[in-house]
């Protein structure tokens, strides 16, 4: 089912905002991490665990809402996730110690997963082939504004509020998205196309998705690439603010510049796919990732100056825009009849690997070298998964 062209942008904006819940839950409070650690009297590495808890929740939530949407449709699970997001965000704002915050962050990530997994599933309900790739690129254009705007907004909010106020803002966003989803979205999975067994049988479909080798090749390629992205997200506030001395506002703008690179790369890849095919464009993105992350690792080893680090980071993060667009499309195209479960596997892989990479980047104290080495290692694992598992589809 393909909506009219005039509705395409409306859907992209709405689904992009829902998909942006993950980045919002992660990125909005990044400038507040150092203050959060001081206020709760905890170490930097322990404060970073709040990021890990959110990522674990975002991963686990995919397994909840993806199969549930194949059984009950897309809209009801989506609204449930948004209500839970509001409750969990208020819980974060009221946390009295780091342990309470970690629990609340876990549930906040769990709830935020609904928007991420269901936006991909709804897109697959409506599109296929190059149209799906173009829509994913449009989705990333909207979604990409979240990594750009969230840290900037977080930096601005830090001039008026403390870290607790940022979580209150997340709760307000959840309420606004409930009204937007009810107003703009309709059910894209009719009853006759839903999973006909029990809810347990819908979860059992996850095994069939995981057993599909080409799907897992593209899924793990994107997953390890995004784990490198999350290592950057978790470590960069400390590296750029504490080591290079940037203010929260300056850090936010540097973070935003990298977000623009991500958007430019995703839109460029969407234009190239009809000419070269998704598979070939994906190979180009992985080549860029290898070259850029190698330069970034060299900058980390030599302790390079801030301008050199920022340039290397820009191209390293931009490569994710190419890979996320094409790998997601190739993976989802092979699983149209199990779009919710396939989206869940992509999400849980991405966020679980990200949850692992964040604390690794802080081992022995967060430093430029630990950040760049973790990013490089994740990118190399992504390339290895592509070489071992991915196969070129006939249509790509």
Protein backbone atom coordinates (compact mmCIF):
# COMPACT_ATOMS: atom_id res chain seq x y z
CA UNK A 1 0.00 0.00 0.00
CA UNK A 2 1.57 3.23 -1.18
CA UNK A 3 0.02 6.50 -0.02
CA UNK A 4 -0.40 9.43 -2.36
CA UNK A 5 2.71 11.45 -3.03
CA UNK A 6 1.30 14.42 -1.10
CA UNK A 7 1.01 12.22 1.99
CA UNK A 8 4.49 10.77 1.69
CA UNK A 9 6.24 13.70 3.35
CA UNK A 10 3.60 13.81 6.12
CA UNK A 11 4.21 10.14 6.84
CA UNK A 12 7.98 10.60 6.68
CA UNK A 13 7.87 13.47 9.16
CA UNK A 14 5.57 11.61 11.55
CA UNK A 15 7.47 8.31 11.35
CA UNK A 16 10.78 10.18 11.48
CA UNK A 17 9.76 11.85 14.74
CA UNK A 18 8.74 8.48 16.16
CA UNK A 19 11.99 6.86 15.02
CA UNK A 20 13.81 9.81 16.59
CA UNK A 21 12.66 8.73 20.05
CA UNK A 22 15.74 6.52 20.32
CA UNK A 23 18.20 9.31 19.51
CA UNK A 24 16.23 11.72 21.70
CA UNK A 25 16.40 9.36 24.68
CA UNK A 26 20.15 9.01 24.12
CA UNK A 27 21.31 12.38 22.80
CA UNK A 28 19.19 14.98 24.56
CA UNK A 29 20.91 14.60 27.91
CA UNK A 30 24.47 14.13 26.58
CA UNK A 31 25.61 17.68 27.47
CA UNK A 32 24.31 17.03 31.00
CA UNK A 33 26.32 13.84 31.62
CA UNK A 34 29.21 15.54 33.47
CA UNK A 35 26.77 17.50 35.68
CA UNK A 36 24.69 14.38 36.27
CA UNK A 37 27.78 12.51 37.49
CA UNK A 38 28.67 15.31 39.90
CA UNK A 39 25.12 15.72 41.21
CA UNK A 40 24.66 12.02 41.90
CA UNK A 41 28.19 11.71 43.33
CA UNK A 42 29.27 9.00 40.92
CA UNK A 43 32.20 8.27 38.62
CA UNK A 44 32.25 9.09 34.90
CA UNK A 45 32.13 5.41 33.92
CA UNK A 46 29.13 4.84 36.21
CA UNK A 47 27.31 7.85 34.75
CA UNK A 48 27.92 6.39 31.29
CA UNK A 49 26.02 3.30 32.42
CA UNK A 50 22.86 5.41 32.22
CA UNK A 51 23.52 5.50 28.49
CA UNK A 52 24.14 1.74 28.47
CA UNK A 53 20.87 1.13 30.37
CA UNK A 54 18.96 3.19 27.83
CA UNK A 55 20.53 1.28 24.95
CA UNK A 56 19.72 -2.08 26.55
CA UNK A 57 16.12 -0.95 26.99
CA UNK A 58 15.96 0.21 23.38
CA UNK A 59 17.21 -3.20 22.30
CA UNK A 60 14.89 -5.26 24.50
CA UNK A 61 11.92 -3.11 23.58
CA UNK A 62 12.34 -4.07 19.93
CA UNK A 63 11.64 -7.70 20.86
CA UNK A 64 8.50 -6.63 22.71
CA UNK A 65 6.92 -4.22 20.26
CA UNK A 66 8.03 -5.78 16.94
CA UNK A 67 6.33 -9.19 17.23
CA UNK A 68 3.43 -7.57 19.14
CA UNK A 69 2.78 -5.32 16.13
CA UNK A 70 2.74 -8.33 13.76
CA UNK A 71 -0.01 -9.80 15.95
CA UNK A 72 -2.10 -6.75 16.97
CA UNK A 73 -1.29 -4.19 14.26
CA UNK A 74 0.98 -1.14 14.42
CA UNK A 75 -1.03 1.57 16.16
CA UNK A 76 -2.02 0.05 19.51
CA UNK A 77 1.53 -1.07 20.45
CA UNK A 78 2.81 2.34 19.36
CA UNK A 79 0.45 4.23 21.67
CA UNK A 80 1.31 1.87 24.55
CA UNK A 81 5.03 2.58 24.07
CA UNK A 82 4.46 6.35 24.17
CA UNK A 83 2.48 6.18 27.41
CA UNK A 84 5.27 4.10 28.99
CA UNK A 85 7.84 6.59 27.72
CA UNK A 86 6.11 9.43 29.58
CA UNK A 87 6.03 7.46 32.85
CA UNK A 88 9.68 6.38 32.60
CA UNK A 89 10.92 9.89 31.74
CA UNK A 90 9.27 11.31 34.85
CA UNK A 91 10.88 8.48 36.81
CA UNK A 92 14.30 9.57 35.51
CA UNK A 93 13.63 13.15 36.54
CA UNK A 94 12.74 12.05 40.08
CA UNK A 95 15.64 9.59 40.56
CA UNK A 96 17.45 10.17 43.88
CA UNK A 97 20.58 8.14 43.13
CA UNK A 98 22.39 6.55 40.21
CA UNK A 99 20.78 3.14 40.84
CA UNK A 100 17.25 4.53 40.57
CA UNK A 101 18.27 6.44 37.46
CA UNK A 102 19.65 3.31 35.81
CA UNK A 103 16.38 1.43 36.39
CA UNK A 104 14.31 4.33 35.06
CA UNK A 105 16.62 4.68 32.05
CA UNK A 106 16.18 0.98 31.26
CA UNK A 107 12.41 1.42 31.12
CA UNK A 108 12.72 4.69 29.22
CA UNK A 109 14.74 2.91 26.54
CA UNK A 110 12.28 0.00 26.53
CA UNK A 111 9.41 2.41 25.88
CA UNK A 112 11.33 4.48 23.33
CA UNK A 113 11.92 1.35 21.25
CA UNK A 114 8.30 1.36 20.13
CA UNK A 115 8.73 4.35 17.86
CA UNK A 116 11.95 3.00 16.35
CA UNK A 117 10.72 -0.52 15.56
CA UNK A 118 7.24 0.47 14.39
CA UNK A 119 8.41 3.28 12.11
CA UNK A 120 10.48 0.74 10.13
CA UNK A 121 7.63 -1.78 10.09
CA UNK A 122 5.08 0.79 8.88
CA UNK A 123 7.47 1.90 6.14
CA UNK A 124 7.87 -1.73 5.00
CA UNK A 125 4.08 -2.13 4.99
CA UNK A 126 3.84 0.72 2.48
CA UNK A 127 6.96 0.39 0.28
CA UNK A 128 9.37 -2.06 -1.35
CA UNK A 129 12.47 -1.97 -3.59
CA UNK A 130 14.05 1.38 -4.45
CA UNK A 131 10.91 3.10 -3.11
CA UNK A 132 11.65 1.61 0.31
CA UNK A 133 15.27 2.80 0.10
CA UNK A 134 14.16 6.31 -0.83
CA UNK A 135 11.66 6.34 2.00
CA UNK A 136 14.29 5.13 4.48
CA UNK A 137 16.52 7.98 3.28
CA UNK A 138 13.65 10.45 3.76
CA UNK A 139 13.04 8.90 7.16
CA UNK A 140 16.70 9.37 8.02
CA UNK A 141 16.54 12.98 6.86
CA UNK A 142 13.83 13.67 9.43
CA UNK A 143 15.28 11.27 11.98
CA UNK A 144 18.75 12.71 11.44
CA UNK A 145 17.60 16.04 12.79
CA UNK A 146 17.30 14.39 16.21
CA UNK A 147 21.05 13.73 16.66
CA UNK A 148 21.65 17.25 15.36
CA UNK A 149 18.99 19.04 17.34
CA UNK A 150 18.93 16.96 20.53
CA UNK A 151 22.42 17.84 21.85
CA UNK A 152 22.00 21.46 20.77
CA UNK A 153 18.63 21.60 22.50
CA UNK A 154 20.17 19.82 25.48
CA UNK A 155 22.93 22.42 25.64
CA UNK A 156 20.38 25.23 25.49
CA UNK A 157 18.22 23.56 28.13
CA UNK A 158 21.28 23.26 30.37
CA UNK A 159 21.48 27.06 30.46
CA UNK A 160 17.94 27.15 31.92
CA UNK A 161 17.38 23.76 33.58
CA UNK A 162 19.38 21.07 35.34
CA UNK A 163 19.69 17.49 34.08
CA UNK A 164 16.40 16.54 35.73
CA UNK A 165 14.57 19.16 33.69
CA UNK A 166 15.80 17.53 30.49
CA UNK A 167 13.96 14.32 31.40
CA UNK A 168 10.80 16.31 32.09
CA UNK A 169 11.11 17.70 28.55
CA UNK A 170 11.31 14.11 27.26
CA UNK A 171 8.07 13.35 29.07
CA UNK A 172 6.37 16.33 27.42
CA UNK A 173 7.62 15.15 24.00
CA UNK A 174 6.04 11.74 24.65
CA UNK A 175 2.67 13.38 25.30
CA UNK A 176 2.90 15.44 22.11
CA UNK A 177 3.76 12.35 20.05
CA UNK A 178 0.71 10.51 21.40
CA UNK A 179 -1.52 13.19 19.91
CA UNK A 180 0.48 13.30 16.66
CA UNK A 181 0.27 9.52 16.18
CA UNK A 182 -3.47 9.52 16.77
CA UNK A 183 -3.93 12.43 14.35
CA UNK A 184 -1.64 11.52 11.44
CA UNK A 185 -1.21 7.74 11.34
CA UNK A 186 -3.60 4.99 10.31
CA UNK A 187 -3.29 1.23 10.63
CA UNK A 188 -1.06 -0.18 7.84
CA UNK A 189 -1.35 -3.86 8.77
CA UNK A 190 -4.93 -5.07 8.15
CA UNK A 191 -6.29 -7.97 10.19
CA UNK A 192 -5.96 -10.50 7.36
CA UNK A 193 -2.19 -9.88 7.12
CA UNK A 194 -1.46 -10.19 10.84
CA UNK A 195 0.12 -13.16 12.57
CA UNK A 196 -2.68 -15.69 13.00
CA UNK A 197 -1.32 -17.72 15.91
CA UNK A 198 -0.84 -16.74 19.52
CA UNK A 199 1.43 -13.94 20.64
CA UNK A 200 4.01 -16.63 21.42
CA UNK A 201 3.94 -17.76 17.79
CA UNK A 202 4.58 -14.15 16.75
CA UNK A 203 7.69 -14.17 18.92
CA UNK A 204 8.66 -17.56 17.46
CA UNK A 205 8.88 -15.86 14.06
CA UNK A 206 11.99 -14.13 15.36
CA UNK A 207 13.85 -17.42 15.04
CA UNK A 208 12.93 -17.71 11.37
CA UNK A 209 14.18 -14.19 10.75
CA UNK A 210 17.46 -14.82 12.57
CA UNK A 211 18.02 -18.04 10.60
CA UNK A 212 17.94 -16.09 7.30
CA UNK A 213 21.66 -15.67 6.61
CA UNK A 214 21.60 -12.77 4.09
CA UNK A 215 19.24 -10.82 6.36
CA UNK A 216 21.59 -11.31 9.32
CA UNK A 217 24.52 -10.25 7.16
CA UNK A 218 22.98 -6.85 6.49
CA UNK A 219 21.59 -6.66 10.04
CA UNK A 220 24.99 -7.30 11.69
CA UNK A 221 26.74 -4.96 9.26
CA UNK A 222 24.46 -2.14 10.32
CA UNK A 223 24.53 -3.26 13.96
CA UNK A 224 28.31 -3.09 14.33
CA UNK A 225 28.46 0.19 12.42
CA UNK A 226 25.90 1.68 14.79
CA UNK A 227 27.75 0.28 17.81
CA UNK A 228 30.71 2.39 16.71
CA UNK A 229 28.33 5.34 16.47
CA UNK A 230 27.12 4.72 20.03
CA UNK A 231 30.72 4.50 21.26
CA UNK A 232 31.20 7.98 19.79
CA UNK A 233 27.96 9.21 21.39
CA UNK A 234 28.93 7.91 24.83
CA UNK A 235 32.57 9.01 24.86
CA UNK A 236 32.54 12.28 22.92
CA UNK A 237 31.02 14.46 25.69
CA UNK A 238 33.95 13.60 27.98
CA UNK A 239 36.62 13.67 25.25
CA UNK A 240 35.57 16.98 23.72
CA UNK A 241 34.53 18.76 26.94
CA UNK A 242 37.01 17.48 29.52
CA UNK A 243 40.06 16.76 27.33
CA UNK A 244 39.70 19.47 24.68
CA UNK A 245 37.90 21.95 26.95
CA UNK A 246 34.77 22.62 24.91
CA UNK A 247 31.72 24.10 26.64
CA UNK A 248 28.44 22.13 26.57
CA UNK A 249 27.16 24.50 23.88
CA UNK A 250 30.31 24.18 21.74
CA UNK A 251 30.18 20.40 22.07
CA UNK A 252 26.55 20.45 20.97
CA UNK A 253 27.37 22.33 17.79
CA UNK A 254 30.27 19.99 16.96
CA UNK A 255 27.90 17.08 17.47
CA UNK A 256 25.34 18.77 15.22
CA UNK A 257 27.90 19.21 12.42
CA UNK A 258 28.49 15.47 12.40
CA UNK A 259 24.73 14.95 12.27
CA UNK A 260 24.55 17.08 9.14
CA UNK A 261 27.21 14.85 7.58
CA UNK A 262 25.04 11.85 8.40
CA UNK A 263 22.04 13.43 6.66
CA UNK A 264 24.00 14.47 3.56
CA UNK A 265 25.42 10.96 3.20
CA UNK A 266 22.02 9.27 3.56
CA UNK A 267 20.38 11.52 0.95
CA UNK A 268 23.28 11.03 -1.45
CA UNK A 269 23.05 7.26 -1.10
CA UNK A 270 19.31 7.34 -1.88
CA UNK A 271 20.02 9.16 -5.14
CA UNK A 272 22.77 6.71 -6.10
CA UNK A 273 20.81 3.52 -5.40
CA UNK A 274 18.56 3.67 -8.51
CA UNK A 275 21.73 4.07 -10.62
CA UNK A 276 24.11 1.63 -8.92
CA UNK A 277 21.91 -0.53 -6.71
CA UNK A 278 21.77 -0.73 -2.92
CA UNK A 279 24.42 -3.44 -2.64
CA UNK A 280 27.06 -1.49 -4.57
CA UNK A 281 26.31 1.74 -2.68
CA UNK A 282 26.62 -0.18 0.60
CA UNK A 283 30.07 -1.43 -0.44
CA UNK A 284 31.07 2.18 -1.15
CA UNK A 285 29.87 3.24 2.29
CA UNK A 286 31.88 0.49 3.96
CA UNK A 287 34.98 1.58 2.03
CA UNK A 288 34.51 5.14 3.28
CA UNK A 289 34.02 3.80 6.81
CA UNK A 290 37.30 1.88 6.64
CA UNK A 291 39.34 4.85 5.38
CA UNK A 292 37.77 7.42 7.74
CA UNK A 293 37.94 5.26 10.88
CA UNK A 294 41.57 4.38 10.12
CA UNK A 295 42.41 8.09 9.98
CA UNK A 296 40.48 8.63 13.21
CA UNK A 297 42.39 5.84 14.96
CA UNK A 298 45.67 7.39 13.80
CA UNK A 299 44.54 10.71 15.27
CA UNK A 300 43.80 8.96 18.55
CA UNK A 301 47.19 7.22 18.65
CA UNK A 302 49.08 10.45 17.96
CA UNK A 303 46.91 12.66 20.19
CA UNK A 304 46.07 14.94 17.26
CA UNK A 305 44.78 18.50 17.58
CA UNK A 306 41.06 19.22 17.82
CA UNK A 307 40.55 20.29 14.15
CA UNK A 308 42.09 17.04 12.86
CA UNK A 309 39.97 14.95 15.23
CA UNK A 310 36.79 16.78 14.22
CA UNK A 311 37.45 16.30 10.48
CA UNK A 312 38.13 12.58 10.92
CA UNK A 313 35.01 12.24 13.07
CA UNK A 314 32.89 14.00 10.46
CA UNK A 315 33.68 11.50 7.70
CA UNK A 316 33.58 8.54 10.09
CA UNK A 317 30.07 9.40 11.26
CA UNK A 318 28.93 10.35 7.73
CA UNK A 319 29.72 6.84 6.48
CA UNK A 320 26.96 5.58 8.79
CA UNK A 321 24.41 7.56 6.75
CA UNK A 322 25.20 5.52 3.65
CA UNK A 323 25.31 2.18 5.45
CA UNK A 324 22.21 2.63 7.62
CA UNK A 325 20.05 3.58 4.62
CA UNK A 326 21.16 0.77 2.31
CA UNK A 327 21.67 -2.03 4.85
CA UNK A 328 18.26 -1.38 6.45
CA UNK A 329 16.54 -1.44 3.07
CA UNK A 330 18.28 -4.62 1.90
CA UNK A 331 17.50 -6.37 5.19
CA UNK A 332 13.84 -5.33 5.32
CA UNK A 333 13.18 -6.11 1.64
CA UNK A 334 13.86 -9.78 2.34
CA UNK A 335 11.33 -9.93 5.21
CA UNK A 336 8.21 -8.11 4.04
CA UNK A 337 5.89 -10.78 5.47
CA UNK A 338 7.55 -10.46 8.89
CA UNK A 339 8.29 -6.74 8.92
CA UNK A 340 7.67 -6.23 12.64
CA UNK A 341 9.88 -9.15 13.68
CA UNK A 342 12.59 -8.19 11.17
CA UNK A 343 12.58 -4.61 12.41
CA UNK A 344 12.83 -5.93 15.96
CA UNK A 345 15.91 -8.03 15.15
CA UNK A 346 17.58 -5.06 13.47
CA UNK A 347 16.84 -2.86 16.46
CA UNK A 348 17.85 -5.30 19.19
CA UNK A 349 21.10 -6.07 17.35
CA UNK A 350 21.93 -2.41 16.93
CA UNK A 351 21.16 -1.31 20.47
CA UNK A 352 22.61 -4.38 22.21
CA UNK A 353 25.91 -4.01 20.39
CA UNK A 354 25.80 -0.30 21.17
CA UNK A 355 25.22 -1.05 24.86
CA UNK A 356 28.36 -3.19 24.83
CA UNK A 357 30.53 -0.69 22.95
CA UNK A 358 29.76 2.28 25.23
CA UNK A 359 31.40 0.88 28.41
CA UNK A 360 34.27 -0.54 26.33
CA UNK A 361 35.08 2.98 25.17
CA UNK A 362 35.38 4.00 28.84
CA UNK A 363 37.63 1.18 30.02
CA UNK A 364 40.63 2.58 31.90
CA UNK A 365 39.08 6.04 31.78
CA UNK A 366 37.48 7.64 28.74
CA UNK A 367 40.16 9.06 26.43
CA UNK A 368 40.60 10.01 22.79
CA UNK A 369 42.44 6.75 22.14
CA UNK A 370 39.80 4.57 23.85
CA UNK A 371 37.05 6.25 21.83
CA UNK A 372 38.79 6.03 18.45
CA UNK A 373 40.00 2.45 19.01
CA UNK A 374 36.48 1.30 19.93
CA UNK A 375 34.97 2.97 16.86
CA UNK A 376 37.61 1.42 14.58
CA UNK A 377 37.09 -2.03 16.08
CA UNK A 378 33.32 -1.85 15.63
CA UNK A 379 33.65 -0.72 12.02
CA UNK A 380 36.05 -3.57 11.22
CA UNK A 381 33.61 -6.10 12.67
CA UNK A 382 30.87 -4.59 10.48
CA UNK A 383 32.99 -5.05 7.37
CA UNK A 384 33.80 -8.63 8.43
CA UNK A 385 30.08 -9.47 8.85
CA UNK A 386 29.36 -8.04 5.40
CA UNK A 387 32.10 -10.14 3.80
CA UNK A 388 31.10 -13.35 5.59
CA UNK A 389 27.30 -13.25 5.51
CA UNK A 390 25.81 -10.66 3.14
CA UNK A 391 24.75 -11.67 -0.36
CA UNK A 392 23.78 -9.49 -3.29
CA UNK A 393 20.01 -9.72 -3.95
CA UNK A 394 18.95 -10.08 -7.60
CA UNK A 395 17.09 -6.75 -7.44
CA UNK A 396 19.97 -4.74 -5.88
